C-alpha atoms as a PDB file:
ATOM      1  CA  MET A   1      48.007  36.606   7.721  1.00  0.00           C
ATOM      2  CA  ARG A   2      50.036  37.479   4.746  1.00  0.00           C
ATOM      3  CA  SER A   3      53.314  38.756   6.385  1.00  0.00           C
ATOM      4  CA  ASP A   4      56.654  36.687   5.966  1.00  0.00           C
ATOM      5  CA  ALA A   5      56.927  37.436   9.931  1.00  0.00           C
ATOM      6  CA  MET A   6      53.532  35.898  10.900  1.00  0.00           C
ATOM      7  CA  LYS A   7      54.039  33.141   9.157  1.00  0.00           C
ATOM      8  CA  LYS A   8      57.313  31.711  10.117  1.00  0.00           C
ATOM      9  CA  ALA A   9      55.582  33.006  14.006  1.00  0.00           C
ATOM     10  CA  ASP A  10      52.827  30.722  13.094  1.00  0.00           C
ATOM     11  CA  ARG A  11      55.146  28.257  12.155  1.00  0.00           C
ATOM     12  CA  ILE A  12      56.805  28.575  15.395  1.00  0.00           C
ATOM     13  CA  VAL A  13      53.550  28.338  17.803  1.00  0.00           C
ATOM     14  CA  ARG A  14      52.515  25.052  15.582  1.00  0.00           C
ATOM     15  CA  ALA A  15      55.777  23.476  16.251  1.00  0.00           C
ATOM     16  CA  VAL A  16      55.569  24.149  19.704  1.00  0.00           C
ATOM     17  CA  ALA A  17      51.572  23.931  21.050  1.00  0.00           C
ATOM     18  CA  ALA A  18      52.038  20.257  21.458  1.00  0.00           C
ATOM     19  CA  LYS A  19      55.001  20.175  23.467  1.00  0.00           C
ATOM     20  CA  GLU A  20      55.234  21.242  27.279  1.00  0.00           C
ATOM     21  CA  VAL A  21      57.979  23.406  26.379  1.00  0.00           C
ATOM     22  CA  THR A  22      58.312  27.337  28.323  1.00  0.00           C
ATOM     23  CA  LEU A  23      57.044  29.839  24.960  1.00  0.00           C
ATOM     24  CA  THR A  24      58.215  33.588  25.980  1.00  0.00           C
ATOM     25  CA  LEU A  25      56.478  36.112  23.369  1.00  0.00           C
ATOM     26  CA  ILE A  26      58.367  39.033  22.825  1.00  0.00           C
ATOM     27  CA  GLY A  27      56.606  42.283  20.940  1.00  0.00           C
ATOM     28  CA  GLU A  28      54.721  45.708  21.374  1.00  0.00           C
ATOM     29  CA  SER A  29      51.878  46.059  23.413  1.00  0.00           C
ATOM     30  CA  GLY A  30      48.620  44.931  21.226  1.00  0.00           C
ATOM     31  CA  SER A  31      51.067  43.080  18.709  1.00  0.00           C
ATOM     32  CA  GLY A  32      49.190  40.441  19.167  1.00  0.00           C
ATOM     33  CA  LYS A  33      51.219  38.201  21.636  1.00  0.00           C
ATOM     34  CA  GLU A  34      47.731  37.347  23.090  1.00  0.00           C
ATOM     35  CA  VAL A  35      46.758  35.924  20.371  1.00  0.00           C
ATOM     36  CA  LEU A  36      49.557  33.798  19.589  1.00  0.00           C
ATOM     37  CA  ALA A  37      49.886  32.099  22.771  1.00  0.00           C
ATOM     38  CA  ARG A  38      45.629  31.998  22.854  1.00  0.00           C
ATOM     39  CA  ARG A  39      46.558  29.651  19.120  1.00  0.00           C
ATOM     40  CA  ALA A  40      49.460  27.888  20.893  1.00  0.00           C
ATOM     41  CA  HIS A  41      46.603  27.238  23.591  1.00  0.00           C
ATOM     42  CA  GLU A  42      44.271  25.510  20.765  1.00  0.00           C
ATOM     43  CA  ILE A  43      45.945  23.759  19.102  1.00  0.00           C
ATOM     44  CA  SER A  44      47.563  21.474  21.910  1.00  0.00           C
ATOM     45  CA  ASP A  45      46.367  18.986  23.979  1.00  0.00           C
ATOM     46  CA  ARG A  46      45.333  21.437  26.587  1.00  0.00           C
ATOM     47  CA  ARG A  47      42.770  22.895  24.558  1.00  0.00           C
ATOM     48  CA  ARG A  48      40.094  21.339  26.272  1.00  0.00           C
ATOM     49  CA  GLY A  49      41.516  23.326  29.581  1.00  0.00           C
ATOM     50  CA  PRO A  50      41.142  26.803  30.108  1.00  0.00           C
ATOM     51  CA  PHE A  51      43.125  29.491  28.867  1.00  0.00           C
ATOM     52  CA  ILE A  52      44.027  32.298  31.356  1.00  0.00           C
ATOM     53  CA  PRO A  53      45.618  35.592  30.238  1.00  0.00           C
ATOM     54  CA  ILE A  54      46.342  37.868  33.008  1.00  0.00           C
ATOM     55  CA  ASN A  55      48.381  41.513  33.265  1.00  0.00           C
ATOM     56  CA  CYS A  56      51.186  41.739  35.848  1.00  0.00           C
ATOM     57  CA  ALA A  57      51.709  45.118  35.403  1.00  0.00           C
ATOM     58  CA  ALA A  58      47.990  45.447  36.316  1.00  0.00           C
ATOM     59  CA  ILE A  59      48.173  43.717  39.712  1.00  0.00           C
ATOM     60  CA  PRO A  60      48.545  45.920  42.938  1.00  0.00           C
ATOM     61  CA  GLU A  61      51.848  43.892  44.365  1.00  0.00           C
ATOM     62  CA  ALA A  62      50.061  43.769  47.614  1.00  0.00           C
ATOM     63  CA  LEU A  63      47.403  41.211  46.067  1.00  0.00           C
ATOM     64  CA  PHE A  64      49.945  39.815  43.146  1.00  0.00           C
ATOM     65  CA  GLU A  65      50.209  36.702  45.407  1.00  0.00           C
ATOM     66  CA  SER A  66      47.090  36.003  46.672  1.00  0.00           C
ATOM     67  CA  GLU A  67      45.503  36.756  42.813  1.00  0.00           C
ATOM     68  CA  LEU A  68      48.130  33.638  41.444  1.00  0.00           C
ATOM     69  CA  PHE A  69      48.153  31.303  44.178  1.00  0.00           C
ATOM     70  CA  GLY A  70      44.366  31.648  45.932  1.00  0.00           C
ATOM     71  CA  HIS A  71      43.929  32.549  49.815  1.00  0.00           C
ATOM     72  CA  GLU A  72      42.315  30.848  52.685  1.00  0.00           C
ATOM     73  CA  ARG A  73      39.426  32.195  54.773  1.00  0.00           C
ATOM     74  CA  GLY A  74      40.894  34.677  57.445  1.00  0.00           C
ATOM     75  CA  ALA A  75      44.508  34.846  55.530  1.00  0.00           C
ATOM     76  CA  PHE A  76      43.839  38.643  55.585  1.00  0.00           C
ATOM     77  CA  THR A  77      41.091  41.076  56.230  1.00  0.00           C
ATOM     78  CA  GLY A  78      38.646  41.048  54.126  1.00  0.00           C
ATOM     79  CA  ALA A  79      39.330  37.344  53.254  1.00  0.00           C
ATOM     80  CA  ASN A  80      35.435  35.581  54.191  1.00  0.00           C
ATOM     81  CA  ASP A  81      35.706  32.908  51.658  1.00  0.00           C
ATOM     82  CA  ARG A  82      38.702  29.992  50.553  1.00  0.00           C
ATOM     83  CA  VAL A  83      39.511  31.879  46.563  1.00  0.00           C
ATOM     84  CA  LYS A  84      41.009  30.083  44.069  1.00  0.00           C
ATOM     85  CA  GLY A  85      44.036  31.662  42.289  1.00  0.00           C
ATOM     86  CA  LYS A  86      44.775  32.076  38.819  1.00  0.00           C
ATOM     87  CA  ILE A  87      47.110  28.951  38.666  1.00  0.00           C
ATOM     88  CA  GLU A  88      44.305  26.377  39.996  1.00  0.00           C
ATOM     89  CA  ALA A  89      41.489  28.446  37.989  1.00  0.00           C
ATOM     90  CA  ALA A  90      43.506  27.479  34.869  1.00  0.00           C
ATOM     91  CA  ALA A  91      44.172  23.711  35.760  1.00  0.00           C
ATOM     92  CA  GLY A  92      44.271  21.616  33.011  1.00  0.00           C
ATOM     93  CA  GLY A  93      45.133  24.599  30.933  1.00  0.00           C
ATOM     94  CA  THR A  94      46.914  27.493  29.690  1.00  0.00           C
ATOM     95  CA  LEU A  95      47.994  30.307  32.169  1.00  0.00           C
ATOM     96  CA  LEU A  96      49.293  33.376  29.679  1.00  0.00           C
ATOM     97  CA  LEU A  97      51.850  36.078  32.928  1.00  0.00           C
ATOM     98  CA  ASP A  98      51.322  38.897  30.285  1.00  0.00           C
ATOM     99  CA  GLU A  99      53.903  41.822  31.084  1.00  0.00           C
ATOM    100  CA  ILE A 100      56.348  38.928  33.487  1.00  0.00           C
ATOM    101  CA  GLY A 101      58.907  41.549  33.327  1.00  0.00           C
ATOM    102  CA  GLU A 102      56.479  43.741  35.949  1.00  0.00           C
ATOM    103  CA  MET A 103      56.437  41.204  38.286  1.00  0.00           C
ATOM    104  CA  PRO A 104      57.675  42.094  41.805  1.00  0.00           C
ATOM    105  CA  MET A 105      60.583  41.188  42.559  1.00  0.00           C
ATOM    106  CA  PRO A 106      59.521  38.975  45.882  1.00  0.00           C
ATOM    107  CA  MET A 107      56.698  37.278  43.554  1.00  0.00           C
ATOM    108  CA  GLN A 108      59.532  36.349  41.007  1.00  0.00           C
ATOM    109  CA  ALA A 109      61.017  33.886  43.973  1.00  0.00           C
ATOM    110  CA  LYS A 110      57.611  32.575  44.801  1.00  0.00           C
ATOM    111  CA  LEU A 111      57.011  31.936  40.800  1.00  0.00           C
ATOM    112  CA  LEU A 112      60.274  30.213  40.616  1.00  0.00           C
ATOM    113  CA  ARG A 113      59.520  27.849  43.982  1.00  0.00           C
ATOM    114  CA  PHE A 114      56.407  26.781  41.859  1.00  0.00           C
ATOM    115  CA  LEU A 115      58.273  26.760  38.740  1.00  0.00           C
ATOM    116  CA  GLU A 116      60.538  23.975  40.720  1.00  0.00           C
ATOM    117  CA  ASN A 117      57.727  21.756  41.542  1.00  0.00           C
ATOM    118  CA  LEU A 118      54.714  22.970  40.354  1.00  0.00           C
ATOM    119  CA  LYS A 119      53.416  23.037  43.791  1.00  0.00           C
ATOM    120  CA  PHE A 120      51.879  26.183  45.735  1.00  0.00           C
ATOM    121  CA  MET A 121      50.238  26.815  48.534  1.00  0.00           C
ATOM    122  CA  ARG A 122      47.360  29.122  49.409  1.00  0.00           C
ATOM    123  CA  VAL A 123      47.840  32.862  51.213  1.00  0.00           C
ATOM    124  CA  GLY A 124      47.054  31.695  55.078  1.00  0.00           C
ATOM    125  CA  GLY A 125      47.520  27.680  53.889  1.00  0.00           C
ATOM    126  CA  ALA A 126      49.026  25.043  54.981  1.00  0.00           C
ATOM    127  CA  GLN A 127      49.195  22.713  52.430  1.00  0.00           C
ATOM    128  CA  LYS A 128      50.585  22.170  49.306  1.00  0.00           C
ATOM    129  CA  ILE A 129      48.833  21.825  45.567  1.00  0.00           C
ATOM    130  CA  GLU A 130      49.623  20.038  42.742  1.00  0.00           C
ATOM    131  CA  ALA A 131      49.264  22.569  39.530  1.00  0.00           C
ATOM    132  CA  ASP A 132      48.424  20.652  36.649  1.00  0.00           C
ATOM    133  CA  VAL A 133      48.768  24.144  33.985  1.00  0.00           C
ATOM    134  CA  ARG A 134      51.309  25.168  31.374  1.00  0.00           C
ATOM    135  CA  LEU A 135      52.297  28.586  31.819  1.00  0.00           C
ATOM    136  CA  MET A 136      53.144  31.058  28.700  1.00  0.00           C
ATOM    137  CA  PHE A 137      54.976  34.562  29.308  1.00  0.00           C
ATOM    138  CA  ALA A 138      55.009  37.891  27.099  1.00  0.00           C
ATOM    139  CA  THR A 139      57.101  40.944  27.437  1.00  0.00           C
ATOM    140  CA  LEU A 140      57.412  44.102  26.213  1.00  0.00           C
ATOM    141  CA  ARG A 141      61.257  44.414  26.243  1.00  0.00           C
ATOM    142  CA  PRO A 142      63.422  41.351  26.179  1.00  0.00           C
ATOM    143  CA  LEU A 143      64.323  39.749  29.931  1.00  0.00           C
ATOM    144  CA  GLU A 144      68.075  39.447  29.710  1.00  0.00           C
ATOM    145  CA  GLN A 145      67.843  43.391  29.281  1.00  0.00           C
ATOM    146  CA  GLU A 146      65.468  43.921  32.637  1.00  0.00           C
ATOM    147  CA  VAL A 147      68.328  41.481  34.160  1.00  0.00           C
ATOM    148  CA  GLN A 148      71.243  43.652  33.316  1.00  0.00           C
ATOM    149  CA  ALA A 149      69.150  46.213  34.437  1.00  0.00           C
ATOM    150  CA  GLY A 150      68.613  44.411  37.765  1.00  0.00           C
ATOM    151  CA  ARG A 151      64.972  44.591  37.205  1.00  0.00           C
ATOM    152  CA  PHE A 152      64.242  40.925  37.013  1.00  0.00           C
ATOM    153  CA  ARG A 153      65.405  37.764  38.749  1.00  0.00           C
ATOM    154  CA  GLY A 154      68.868  35.788  37.150  1.00  0.00           C
ATOM    155  CA  ASP A 155      67.715  32.695  38.195  1.00  0.00           C
ATOM    156  CA  LEU A 156      64.256  32.854  37.457  1.00  0.00           C
ATOM    157  CA  TYR A 157      64.966  34.085  33.468  1.00  0.00           C
ATOM    158  CA  TYR A 158      66.806  31.123  32.900  1.00  0.00           C
ATOM    159  CA  ARG A 159      64.336  28.803  34.383  1.00  0.00           C
ATOM    160  CA  ILE A 160      61.433  30.116  31.741  1.00  0.00           C
ATOM    161  CA  GLN A 161      63.981  30.568  28.890  1.00  0.00           C
ATOM    162  CA  GLY A 162      62.494  28.189  26.123  1.00  0.00           C
ATOM    163  CA  ILE A 163      61.422  29.177  22.683  1.00  0.00           C
ATOM    164  CA  THR A 164      61.324  32.855  22.040  1.00  0.00           C
ATOM    165  CA  LEU A 165      59.369  34.254  20.023  1.00  0.00           C
ATOM    166  CA  HIS A 166      59.577  38.030  18.663  1.00  0.00           C
ATOM    167  CA  VAL A 167      55.894  39.327  17.547  1.00  0.00           C
ATOM    168  CA  PRO A 168      56.880  42.033  15.324  1.00  0.00           C
ATOM    169  CA  PRO A 169      54.574  45.516  15.673  1.00  0.00           C
ATOM    170  CA  LEU A 170      52.267  46.056  12.549  1.00  0.00           C
ATOM    171  CA  ARG A 171      53.983  48.887  10.899  1.00  0.00           C
ATOM    172  CA  GLU A 172      57.177  46.295  10.433  1.00  0.00           C
ATOM    173  CA  ARG A 173      54.111  44.010   8.692  1.00  0.00           C
ATOM    174  CA  ARG A 174      51.707  46.373   6.181  1.00  0.00           C
ATOM    175  CA  ALA A 175      50.335  42.983   4.759  1.00  0.00           C
ATOM    176  CA  ASP A 176      48.762  42.005   7.530  1.00  0.00           C
ATOM    177  CA  ILE A 177      47.061  45.491   7.801  1.00  0.00           C
ATOM    178  CA  ALA A 178      44.366  44.789   5.068  1.00  0.00           C
ATOM    179  CA  PRO A 179      43.330  40.952   5.852  1.00  0.00           C
ATOM    180  CA  LEU A 180      42.848  42.421  10.078  1.00  0.00           C
ATOM    181  CA  LEU A 181      41.032  45.455   8.529  1.00  0.00           C
ATOM    182  CA  ALA A 182      38.784  43.025   6.595  1.00  0.00           C
ATOM    183  CA  GLN A 183      38.318  40.500   9.730  1.00  0.00           C
ATOM    184  CA  PHE A 184      37.642  43.459  11.856  1.00  0.00           C
ATOM    185  CA  LEU A 185      34.868  44.787   9.746  1.00  0.00           C
ATOM    186  CA  SER A 186      32.914  41.621   9.515  1.00  0.00           C
ATOM    187  CA  GLN A 187      33.528  40.379  12.967  1.00  0.00           C
ATOM    188  CA  LEU A 188      32.810  43.600  15.047  1.00  0.00           C
ATOM    189  CA  SER A 189      29.703  43.941  12.940  1.00  0.00           C
ATOM    190  CA  ALA A 190      28.178  40.915  13.424  1.00  0.00           C
ATOM    191  CA  ARG A 191      29.092  41.209  17.300  1.00  0.00           C
ATOM    192  CA  HIS A 192      27.242  44.489  17.346  1.00  0.00           C
ATOM    193  CA  GLY A 193      24.224  43.488  15.228  1.00  0.00           C
ATOM    194  CA  VAL A 194      24.947  46.034  12.713  1.00  0.00           C
ATOM    195  CA  ASN A 195      25.327  45.839   9.081  1.00  0.00           C
ATOM    196  CA  PRO A 196      28.674  46.036   7.732  1.00  0.00           C
ATOM    197  CA  PRO A 197      29.784  49.004   6.601  1.00  0.00           C
ATOM    198  CA  HIS A 198      32.163  49.280   3.344  1.00  0.00           C
ATOM    199  CA  LEU A 199      35.558  51.144   3.360  1.00  0.00           C
ATOM    200  CA  SER A 200      36.860  53.899   0.392  1.00  0.00           C
ATOM    201  CA  ARG A 201      39.546  53.300  -1.629  1.00  0.00           C
ATOM    202  CA  SER A 202      41.124  56.075  -0.139  1.00  0.00           C
ATOM    203  CA  ALA A 203      39.799  55.638   3.505  1.00  0.00           C
ATOM    204  CA  LYS A 204      41.215  52.294   3.333  1.00  0.00           C
ATOM    205  CA  ALA A 205      44.462  53.733   1.757  1.00  0.00           C
ATOM    206  CA  MET A 206      44.690  56.164   4.347  1.00  0.00           C
ATOM    207  CA  LEU A 207      44.412  52.902   7.110  1.00  0.00           C
ATOM    208  CA  LEU A 208      47.280  50.758   5.331  1.00  0.00           C
ATOM    209  CA  ARG A 209      49.696  53.611   5.103  1.00  0.00           C
ATOM    210  CA  TYR A 210      49.052  54.242   8.984  1.00  0.00           C
ATOM    211  CA  ASP A 211      52.141  53.493  11.319  1.00  0.00           C
ATOM    212  CA  TRP A 212      49.483  52.126  14.034  1.00  0.00           C
ATOM    213  CA  PRO A 213      51.279  52.667  16.807  1.00  0.00           C
ATOM    214  CA  GLY A 214      49.007  50.703  19.399  1.00  0.00           C
ATOM    215  CA  ASN A 215      49.343  48.208  16.456  1.00  0.00           C
ATOM    216  CA  VAL A 216      46.898  45.598  15.889  1.00  0.00           C
ATOM    217  CA  ARG A 217      44.510  46.479  19.552  1.00  0.00           C
ATOM    218  CA  GLU A 218      44.525  50.157  17.877  1.00  0.00           C
ATOM    219  CA  LEU A 219      43.250  48.972  14.598  1.00  0.00           C
ATOM    220  CA  ARG A 220      40.430  46.910  16.132  1.00  0.00           C
ATOM    221  CA  ASN A 221      39.347  49.604  18.338  1.00  0.00           C
ATOM    222  CA  VAL A 222      39.314  52.064  15.458  1.00  0.00           C
ATOM    223  CA  ILE A 223      37.592  49.768  13.392  1.00  0.00           C
ATOM    224  CA  GLU A 224      34.591  48.676  16.248  1.00  0.00           C
ATOM    225  CA  THR A 225      34.084  53.002  16.172  1.00  0.00           C
ATOM    226  CA  LEU A 226      33.593  52.576  12.624  1.00  0.00           C
ATOM    227  CA  CYS A 227      31.069  50.278  12.501  1.00  0.00           C
ATOM    228  CA  LEU A 228      29.173  51.634  15.161  1.00  0.00           C
ATOM    229  CA  LEU A 229      28.815  55.115  13.319  1.00  0.00           C
ATOM    230  CA  ARG A 230      28.887  54.419   9.778  1.00  0.00           C
ATOM    231  CA  GLU A 231      26.468  51.205  10.300  1.00  0.00           C
ATOM    232  CA  GLY A 232      25.898  50.111   6.092  1.00  0.00           C
ATOM    233  CA  ARG A 233      27.316  53.047   4.671  1.00  0.00           C
ATOM    234  CA  GLN A 234      31.183  53.581   3.208  1.00  0.00           C
ATOM    235  CA  ILE A 235      33.626  54.754   5.495  1.00  0.00           C
ATOM    236  CA  ARG A 236      35.032  57.924   4.190  1.00  0.00           C
ATOM    237  CA  PRO A 237      38.367  59.465   4.563  1.00  0.00           C
ATOM    238  CA  LEU A 238      36.649  62.424   6.983  1.00  0.00           C
ATOM    239  CA  ASP A 239      35.190  59.226   9.139  1.00  0.00           C
ATOM    240  CA  LEU A 240      38.077  58.516  10.578  1.00  0.00           C
ATOM    241  CA  PRO A 241      40.141  59.710  13.475  1.00  0.00           C
ATOM    242  CA  GLN A 242      42.019  62.559  13.415  1.00  0.00           C
ATOM    243  CA  SER A 243      45.394  61.086  14.645  1.00  0.00           C
ATOM    244  CA  ILE A 244      45.273  58.996  10.908  1.00  0.00           C
ATOM    245  CA  ARG A 245      44.138  61.506   8.586  1.00  0.00           C
ATOM    246  CA  ALA A 246      46.979  64.102  10.730  1.00  0.00           C
ATOM    247  CA  HIS A 247      49.515  61.054   9.767  1.00  0.00           C
ATOM    248  CA  HIS A 248      48.234  61.310   6.388  1.00  0.00           C
ATOM    249  CA  GLU A 249      48.485  64.978   5.780  1.00  0.00           C
ATOM    250  CA  GLN A 250      52.027  64.790   7.708  1.00  0.00           C
ATOM    251  CA  ALA A 251      53.250  62.574   5.290  1.00  0.00           C
ATOM    252  CA  ASP A 252      52.317  64.587   2.367  1.00  0.00           C
ATOM    253  CA  ARG A 253      54.052  67.129   3.696  1.00  0.00           C
ATOM    254  CA  SER A 254      57.310  65.189   4.071  1.00  0.00           C
ATOM    255  CA  GLY A 255      57.274  64.182   0.659  1.00  0.00           C
ATOM    256  CA  GLU A 256      56.201  61.060   1.260  1.00  0.00           C
ATOM    257  CA  THR A 257      53.944  61.432  -1.694  1.00  0.00           C
ATOM    258  CA  GLY A 258      55.731  63.351  -3.595  1.00  0.00           C
ATOM    259  CA  GLY A 259      55.844  66.785  -1.476  1.00  0.00           C
ATOM    260  CA  SER A 260      52.937  68.246  -2.197  1.00  0.00           C
ATOM    261  CA  CYS A 261      50.890  65.489  -4.327  1.00  0.00           C
ATOM    262  CA  ALA A 262      48.701  63.122  -3.063  1.00  0.00           C
ATOM    263  CA  THR A 263      48.560  59.250  -4.938  1.00  0.00           C
ATOM    264  CA  VAL A 264      45.357  58.663  -5.939  1.00  0.00           C
ATOM    265  CA  THR A 265      45.284  55.302  -7.803  1.00  0.00           C
ATOM    266  CA  VAL A 266      42.940  55.674 -11.111  1.00  0.00           C
ATOM    267  CA  ASP A 267      41.261  52.743 -12.641  1.00  0.00           C
ATOM    268  CA  LEU A 268      40.964  53.035 -16.446  1.00  0.00           C
ATOM    269  CA  ASP A 269      38.527  50.730 -16.524  1.00  0.00           C
ATOM    270  CA  HIS A 270      36.073  52.487 -15.027  1.00  0.00           C
ATOM    271  CA  GLY A 271      33.943  55.576 -16.809  1.00  0.00           C
ATOM    272  CA  LEU A 272      35.714  59.239 -15.951  1.00  0.00           C
ATOM    273  CA  ASP A 273      33.134  59.840 -13.102  1.00  0.00           C
ATOM    274  CA  ALA A 274      34.148  57.192 -11.099  1.00  0.00           C
ATOM    275  CA  ASN A 275      37.981  57.959 -11.118  1.00  0.00           C
ATOM    276  CA  VAL A 276      36.820  62.424 -10.603  1.00  0.00           C
ATOM    277  CA  GLN A 277      34.922  60.533  -7.314  1.00  0.00           C
ATOM    278  CA  GLN A 278      38.499  59.607  -6.389  1.00  0.00           C
ATOM    279  CA  ILE A 279      40.006  62.850  -6.478  1.00  0.00           C
ATOM    280  CA  VAL A 280      37.425  64.980  -5.245  1.00  0.00           C
ATOM    281  CA  GLU A 281      37.150  62.866  -2.031  1.00  0.00           C
ATOM    282  CA  ALA A 282      40.690  62.989  -1.662  1.00  0.00           C
ATOM    283  CA  ALA A 283      41.159  66.662  -1.921  1.00  0.00           C
ATOM    284  CA  LEU A 284      38.159  66.825   0.472  1.00  0.00           C
ATOM    285  CA  ALA A 285      40.378  64.950   3.190  1.00  0.00           C
ATOM    286  CA  ARG A 286      42.998  66.495   2.218  1.00  0.00           C
ATOM    287  CA  ALA A 287      41.391  70.043   3.012  1.00  0.00           C
ATOM    288  CA  ASP A 288      39.958  68.187   6.111  1.00  0.00           C
ATOM    289  CA  GLY A 289      36.471  69.035   4.723  1.00  0.00           C
ATOM    290  CA  ASN A 290      36.253  72.240   3.396  1.00  0.00           C
ATOM    291  CA  LYS A 291      34.551  72.427   0.502  1.00  0.00           C
ATOM    292  CA  HIS A 292      35.820  75.834  -1.031  1.00  0.00           C
ATOM    293  CA  ARG A 293      39.688  74.929   0.032  1.00  0.00           C
ATOM    294  CA  ALA A 294      39.299  71.608  -2.137  1.00  0.00           C
ATOM    295  CA  ALA A 295      37.856  72.880  -4.754  1.00  0.00           C
ATOM    296  CA  SER A 296      40.328  75.693  -5.136  1.00  0.00           C
ATOM    297  CA  GLN A 297      43.219  73.320  -4.884  1.00  0.00           C
ATOM    298  CA  LEU A 298      41.046  71.381  -7.433  1.00  0.00           C
ATOM    299  CA  ARG A 299      41.216  74.430  -9.937  1.00  0.00           C
ATOM    300  CA  ILE A 300      37.011  73.766 -10.186  1.00  0.00           C
ATOM    301  CA  SER A 301      34.162  75.212  -8.646  1.00  0.00           C
ATOM    302  CA  LEU A 302      32.544  74.704  -5.884  1.00  0.00           C
ATOM    303  CA  ARG A 303      29.319  74.113  -7.419  1.00  0.00           C
ATOM    304  CA  THR A 304      31.318  71.004  -9.154  1.00  0.00           C
ATOM    305  CA  ILE A 305      32.366  69.685  -5.518  1.00  0.00           C
ATOM    306  CA  GLN A 306      29.110  70.142  -3.733  1.00  0.00           C
ATOM    307  CA  ARG A 307      27.365  68.282  -6.788  1.00  0.00           C
ATOM    308  CA  TYR A 308      29.230  64.951  -6.123  1.00  0.00           C
ATOM    309  CA  VAL A 309      29.225  65.559  -1.900  1.00  0.00           C
ATOM    310  CA  ALA A 310      25.345  66.152  -2.484  1.00  0.00           C
ATOM    311  CA  ALA A 311      24.813  62.855  -4.354  1.00  0.00           C
ATOM    312  CA  GLY A 312      26.583  60.673  -1.998  1.00  0.00           C
ATOM    313  CA  GLN A 313      28.770  59.432  -4.074  1.00  0.00           C
ATOM    314  CA  VAL A 314      32.643  58.043  -3.734  1.00  0.00           C
ATOM    315  CA  SER A 315      35.225  55.284  -4.637  1.00  0.00           C
ATOM    316  CA  GLY A 316      34.038  52.921  -7.339  1.00  0.00           C
ATOM    317  CA  PRO A 317      34.757  49.411  -6.992  1.00  0.00           C
ATOM    318  CA  SER A 318      38.638  48.376  -8.197  1.00  0.00           C
ATOM    319  CA  ALA A 319      40.107  46.486 -10.950  1.00  0.00           C
ATOM    320  CA  GLY A 320      41.734  46.174 -14.249  1.00  0.00           C
ATOM    321  CA  ARG A 321      45.061  47.717 -14.010  1.00  0.00           C
ATOM    322  CA  PRO A 322      45.270  50.972 -12.273  1.00  0.00           C
ATOM    323  CA  GLN A 323      47.438  53.747 -12.684  1.00  0.00           C
ATOM    324  CA  ASP A 324      48.779  56.678 -10.565  1.00  0.00           C
ATOM    325  CA  ALA A 325      47.707  60.338 -10.638  1.00  0.00           C
ATOM    326  CA  ASN A 326      48.515  63.266  -8.479  1.00  0.00           C
ATOM    327  CA  VAL A 327      46.280  65.902  -7.267  1.00  0.00           C
ATOM    328  CA  ARG A 328      48.184  68.901  -6.861  1.00  0.00           C
ATOM    329  CA  GLY A 329      47.832  71.121  -4.300  1.00  0.00           C
ATOM    330  CA  ALA A 330      47.093  75.227  -4.704  1.00  0.00           C
END
């Protein structure tokens, strides 16, 4: 990661990884909390053990105790076998309790009791089991706010209070978007066994400009879809999801790029044709693919637009010292 915020987060993770200190990560959904927790595990002395994340918000309250501590055969209707819980499964490693603020109050009391001596009993069991596991926590909202609102036990909050790491959303660390784009294009193409597509400069500019309300998770899903749909080909603005194109158009209308002007990077070290291709591509994106409207905005003939589209030529390579040119709407 390139952003100062994530460099600082990485330094904190490195500092606490080898210590059996409680780590709580706070940030929006999809911002990378699990990634940082996993990194702390992988550089800790527990790296040879399992790393198990569970989402507290996704577990029905009636099943929570069994999910965490396991159960004995016959403990309840349908319990036909002894089943280990996540704490037992994570022995020798790390258990991440994600969205800990969503844990039901009765389970918070049982978790607190477990943390006092790291011993538990399976549901329906009579024997205490000692757990060799490191717990980490993640939450969408600061837990002190949940305590004040009466949704989280104060005694549990003070028990797990240790190192708190705030993970900023992707829109506040835009320097990380470009390396994430490159990483996901490579990784996800390899995972699906396809030739990686490549981003046009206009498409990349739109992705860098987007606010990513779903954070890293949303970015990953968008790139995965593009890898499958644009295998080995160029990703153009028109190939991006409607939400991203709509954000781009709204930003233009709100004056973020100068009112009715869309900014295009012009490279003076390359030929005129390469730069014209960039302008045509930007106009098509602004016109939502309508060639007639794009031609009208550029005050050129429809045939000229069709020639560039038919040739399949889009953004050329970037080099040298760019200057800005504006594509003005009609």
